[in-house]
Amino acid sequence: MIEYEKSANALSGTGVTNKMRLTKGHYVKLEEAAVEIMHRLSDILNINSVYVARNDKQHVTIQHAYNRDVKVIEVGQDFLYEDSY
């Protein structure tokens, strides 16, 4: 079960309490869901590697990576923006 807080302004007049509980999903953390999505994308698209990177227009840094068979990319790798494609 995931609990999160909503602002009082968003809840005023709705009869909903400040603390909401999400019970229908089975993911405890957003990160767990993101990892599962990367695994499924790899399977659906029939590709080896899926990754999420942060791009600040100077560097591209790998934040999360999934390599099905061959390790191609790793979390923490950093590339110059001009060298990435």
N, C-alpha and C. Protein backbone atom coordinates (compact mmCIF):
# COMPACT_ATOMS: atom_id res chain seq x y z
N MET A 1 0.84 -1.17 0.00
CA MET A 1 0.00 0.00 0.00
C MET A 1 0.89 1.24 0.00
N ILE A 2 0.57 2.19 -0.86
CA ILE A 2 1.32 3.44 -0.94
C ILE A 2 0.47 4.54 -0.33
N GLU A 3 1.08 5.33 0.53
CA GLU A 3 0.38 6.46 1.09
C GLU A 3 1.06 7.73 0.60
N TYR A 4 0.25 8.74 0.29
CA TYR A 4 0.83 10.01 -0.11
C TYR A 4 -0.05 11.12 0.41
N GLU A 5 0.53 12.29 0.53
CA GLU A 5 -0.19 13.45 1.05
C GLU A 5 -0.65 14.33 -0.11
N LYS A 6 -1.86 14.82 -0.03
CA LYS A 6 -2.36 15.80 -0.98
C LYS A 6 -2.49 17.13 -0.25
N SER A 7 -2.36 18.20 -1.00
CA SER A 7 -2.46 19.51 -0.36
C SER A 7 -3.89 19.76 0.10
N ALA A 8 -4.02 20.56 1.13
CA ALA A 8 -5.35 20.88 1.65
C ALA A 8 -6.19 21.60 0.61
N ASN A 9 -5.58 22.44 -0.21
CA ASN A 9 -6.32 23.16 -1.25
C ASN A 9 -6.94 22.20 -2.27
N ALA A 10 -6.22 21.16 -2.63
CA ALA A 10 -6.72 20.21 -3.62
C ALA A 10 -7.88 19.40 -3.07
N LEU A 11 -7.95 19.28 -1.74
CA LEU A 11 -8.96 18.44 -1.13
C LEU A 11 -10.15 19.21 -0.58
N SER A 12 -10.08 20.51 -0.53
CA SER A 12 -11.15 21.27 0.10
C SER A 12 -12.47 21.05 -0.61
N GLY A 13 -13.48 20.70 0.16
CA GLY A 13 -14.81 20.50 -0.39
C GLY A 13 -15.02 19.16 -1.07
N THR A 14 -14.04 18.27 -1.03
CA THR A 14 -14.20 16.98 -1.70
C THR A 14 -14.60 15.87 -0.75
N GLY A 15 -14.45 16.10 0.55
CA GLY A 15 -14.76 15.06 1.51
C GLY A 15 -13.67 13.99 1.60
N VAL A 16 -12.52 14.24 0.97
CA VAL A 16 -11.42 13.28 0.99
C VAL A 16 -10.42 13.71 2.04
N THR A 17 -9.92 12.76 2.81
CA THR A 17 -8.95 13.10 3.85
C THR A 17 -7.60 13.42 3.22
N ASN A 18 -6.73 14.07 4.00
CA ASN A 18 -5.41 14.45 3.51
C ASN A 18 -4.56 13.24 3.14
N LYS A 19 -4.72 12.15 3.86
CA LYS A 19 -3.89 10.98 3.59
C LYS A 19 -4.69 10.01 2.72
N MET A 20 -4.20 9.78 1.52
CA MET A 20 -4.86 8.87 0.58
C MET A 20 -4.08 7.56 0.56
N ARG A 21 -4.77 6.46 0.33
CA ARG A 21 -4.10 5.17 0.24
C ARG A 21 -4.38 4.56 -1.11
N LEU A 22 -3.31 4.13 -1.76
CA LEU A 22 -3.44 3.46 -3.05
C LEU A 22 -3.29 1.97 -2.80
N THR A 23 -4.37 1.23 -2.98
CA THR A 23 -4.32 -0.19 -2.68
C THR A 23 -4.50 -1.07 -3.91
N LYS A 24 -4.91 -0.52 -5.04
CA LYS A 24 -5.19 -1.36 -6.20
C LYS A 24 -3.92 -1.79 -6.93
N GLY A 25 -2.86 -0.97 -6.90
CA GLY A 25 -1.61 -1.33 -7.57
C GLY A 25 -0.79 -2.25 -6.69
N HIS A 26 0.14 -2.99 -7.29
CA HIS A 26 0.98 -3.87 -6.48
C HIS A 26 2.41 -3.38 -6.41
N TYR A 27 2.71 -2.22 -6.94
CA TYR A 27 4.06 -1.67 -6.85
C TYR A 27 4.17 -0.80 -5.61
N VAL A 28 5.18 -1.06 -4.82
CA VAL A 28 5.38 -0.30 -3.59
C VAL A 28 6.02 1.05 -3.89
N LYS A 29 6.93 1.06 -4.85
CA LYS A 29 7.64 2.29 -5.18
C LYS A 29 7.55 2.55 -6.67
N LEU A 30 7.60 3.80 -7.03
CA LEU A 30 7.59 4.18 -8.43
C LEU A 30 8.78 3.57 -9.16
N GLU A 31 9.91 3.49 -8.49
CA GLU A 31 11.11 2.93 -9.10
C GLU A 31 10.91 1.46 -9.49
N GLU A 32 10.20 0.71 -8.65
CA GLU A 32 9.92 -0.69 -8.98
C GLU A 32 9.09 -0.78 -10.26
N ALA A 33 8.12 0.09 -10.40
CA ALA A 33 7.30 0.12 -11.61
C ALA A 33 8.14 0.48 -12.82
N ALA A 34 9.05 1.44 -12.68
CA ALA A 34 9.90 1.86 -13.79
C ALA A 34 10.80 0.72 -14.25
N VAL A 35 11.35 -0.03 -13.32
CA VAL A 35 12.20 -1.17 -13.67
C VAL A 35 11.39 -2.21 -14.42
N GLU A 36 10.20 -2.50 -13.96
CA GLU A 36 9.33 -3.47 -14.63
C GLU A 36 9.00 -3.00 -16.05
N ILE A 37 8.75 -1.73 -16.22
CA ILE A 37 8.45 -1.18 -17.55
C ILE A 37 9.65 -1.35 -18.47
N MET A 38 10.86 -1.12 -17.98
CA MET A 38 12.06 -1.29 -18.80
C MET A 38 12.21 -2.75 -19.22
N HIS A 39 11.95 -3.68 -18.33
CA HIS A 39 12.04 -5.11 -18.66
C HIS A 39 11.01 -5.46 -19.74
N ARG A 40 9.80 -4.98 -19.57
CA ARG A 40 8.75 -5.28 -20.55
C ARG A 40 9.03 -4.65 -21.90
N LEU A 41 9.54 -3.41 -21.91
CA LEU A 41 9.90 -2.77 -23.18
C LEU A 41 10.95 -3.58 -23.91
N SER A 42 11.93 -4.08 -23.19
CA SER A 42 12.97 -4.91 -23.79
C SER A 42 12.35 -6.14 -24.45
N ASP A 43 11.41 -6.75 -23.78
CA ASP A 43 10.75 -7.94 -24.33
C ASP A 43 9.86 -7.59 -25.52
N ILE A 44 9.01 -6.59 -25.36
CA ILE A 44 8.05 -6.22 -26.41
C ILE A 44 8.77 -5.76 -27.68
N LEU A 45 9.79 -4.93 -27.51
CA LEU A 45 10.50 -4.38 -28.67
C LEU A 45 11.62 -5.30 -29.16
N ASN A 46 11.84 -6.39 -28.42
CA ASN A 46 12.89 -7.35 -28.74
C ASN A 46 14.26 -6.67 -28.87
N ILE A 47 14.59 -5.88 -27.84
CA ILE A 47 15.89 -5.21 -27.79
C ILE A 47 16.61 -5.62 -26.52
N ASN A 48 17.93 -5.54 -26.55
CA ASN A 48 18.74 -5.96 -25.41
C ASN A 48 18.73 -4.94 -24.28
N SER A 49 18.91 -3.67 -24.61
CA SER A 49 19.12 -2.66 -23.57
C SER A 49 18.09 -1.55 -23.61
N VAL A 50 17.64 -1.18 -22.42
CA VAL A 50 16.74 -0.04 -22.23
C VAL A 50 17.32 0.77 -21.09
N TYR A 51 17.34 2.09 -21.24
CA TYR A 51 17.90 2.91 -20.18
C TYR A 51 17.19 4.25 -20.09
N VAL A 52 17.35 4.87 -18.93
CA VAL A 52 16.84 6.22 -18.68
C VAL A 52 18.07 7.06 -18.34
N ALA A 53 18.19 8.19 -19.02
CA ALA A 53 19.37 9.03 -18.83
C ALA A 53 18.97 10.46 -18.50
N ARG A 54 19.83 11.14 -17.78
CA ARG A 54 19.66 12.56 -17.50
C ARG A 54 20.55 13.32 -18.49
N ASN A 55 19.98 14.32 -19.13
CA ASN A 55 20.68 15.08 -20.16
C ASN A 55 20.66 16.55 -19.75
N ASP A 56 21.84 17.12 -19.49
CA ASP A 56 21.89 18.53 -19.11
C ASP A 56 22.51 19.39 -20.22
N LYS A 57 22.54 18.86 -21.44
CA LYS A 57 23.08 19.52 -22.63
C LYS A 57 24.60 19.62 -22.62
N GLN A 58 25.24 19.14 -21.56
CA GLN A 58 26.70 19.04 -21.52
C GLN A 58 27.11 17.58 -21.35
N HIS A 59 26.36 16.87 -20.50
CA HIS A 59 26.62 15.45 -20.24
C HIS A 59 25.31 14.67 -20.30
N VAL A 60 25.43 13.41 -20.61
CA VAL A 60 24.32 12.46 -20.55
C VAL A 60 24.75 11.41 -19.53
N THR A 61 23.98 11.26 -18.46
CA THR A 61 24.32 10.33 -17.39
C THR A 61 23.23 9.28 -17.27
N ILE A 62 23.61 8.01 -17.29
CA ILE A 62 22.67 6.90 -17.20
C ILE A 62 22.17 6.79 -15.76
N GLN A 63 20.86 6.89 -15.59
CA GLN A 63 20.24 6.82 -14.26
C GLN A 63 19.75 5.41 -13.93
N HIS A 64 19.17 4.74 -14.90
CA HIS A 64 18.68 3.36 -14.75
C HIS A 64 18.96 2.64 -16.05
N ALA A 65 19.31 1.35 -15.95
CA ALA A 65 19.59 0.58 -17.15
C ALA A 65 19.16 -0.87 -16.96
N TYR A 66 18.69 -1.48 -18.05
CA TYR A 66 18.36 -2.90 -18.06
C TYR A 66 18.97 -3.50 -19.32
N ASN A 67 19.81 -4.49 -19.15
CA ASN A 67 20.42 -5.22 -20.25
C ASN A 67 19.96 -6.67 -20.14
N ARG A 68 19.22 -7.15 -21.12
CA ARG A 68 18.65 -8.49 -21.04
C ARG A 68 19.73 -9.57 -21.12
N ASP A 69 20.53 -9.57 -22.19
CA ASP A 69 21.51 -10.64 -22.40
C ASP A 69 22.95 -10.16 -22.29
N VAL A 70 23.27 -9.10 -22.99
CA VAL A 70 24.63 -8.59 -23.04
C VAL A 70 24.68 -7.23 -22.35
N LYS A 71 25.63 -7.07 -21.41
CA LYS A 71 25.76 -5.80 -20.70
C LYS A 71 26.38 -4.77 -21.63
N VAL A 72 25.57 -3.81 -22.05
CA VAL A 72 25.99 -2.79 -22.99
C VAL A 72 26.17 -1.44 -22.31
N ILE A 73 25.29 -1.16 -21.36
CA ILE A 73 25.30 0.15 -20.70
C ILE A 73 25.06 -0.06 -19.21
N GLU A 74 25.68 0.78 -18.39
CA GLU A 74 25.58 0.63 -16.94
C GLU A 74 25.14 1.93 -16.28
N VAL A 75 24.48 1.77 -15.15
CA VAL A 75 24.09 2.93 -14.35
C VAL A 75 25.35 3.69 -13.96
N GLY A 76 25.29 5.01 -14.08
CA GLY A 76 26.41 5.85 -13.70
C GLY A 76 27.32 6.23 -14.86
N GLN A 77 27.19 5.54 -15.99
CA GLN A 77 28.02 5.93 -17.14
C GLN A 77 27.69 7.36 -17.52
N ASP A 78 28.71 8.09 -17.92
CA ASP A 78 28.55 9.50 -18.26
C ASP A 78 29.21 9.74 -19.61
N PHE A 79 28.50 10.42 -20.49
CA PHE A 79 28.99 10.72 -21.83
C PHE A 79 28.89 12.21 -22.07
N LEU A 80 29.78 12.72 -22.88
CA LEU A 80 29.63 14.10 -23.33
C LEU A 80 28.39 14.19 -24.22
N TYR A 81 27.62 15.24 -24.05
CA TYR A 81 26.40 15.41 -24.83
C TYR A 81 26.68 15.33 -26.34
N GLU A 82 27.75 15.96 -26.77
CA GLU A 82 28.07 16.00 -28.20
C GLU A 82 28.45 14.62 -28.75
N ASP A 83 28.84 13.68 -27.87
CA ASP A 83 29.20 12.34 -28.30
C ASP A 83 28.03 11.36 -28.22
N SER A 84 26.91 11.80 -27.66
CA SER A 84 25.75 10.90 -27.53
C SER A 84 24.84 11.03 -28.74
N TYR A 85 24.14 9.97 -29.02
CA TYR A 85 23.16 9.99 -30.12
C TYR A 85 22.10 8.97 -29.87
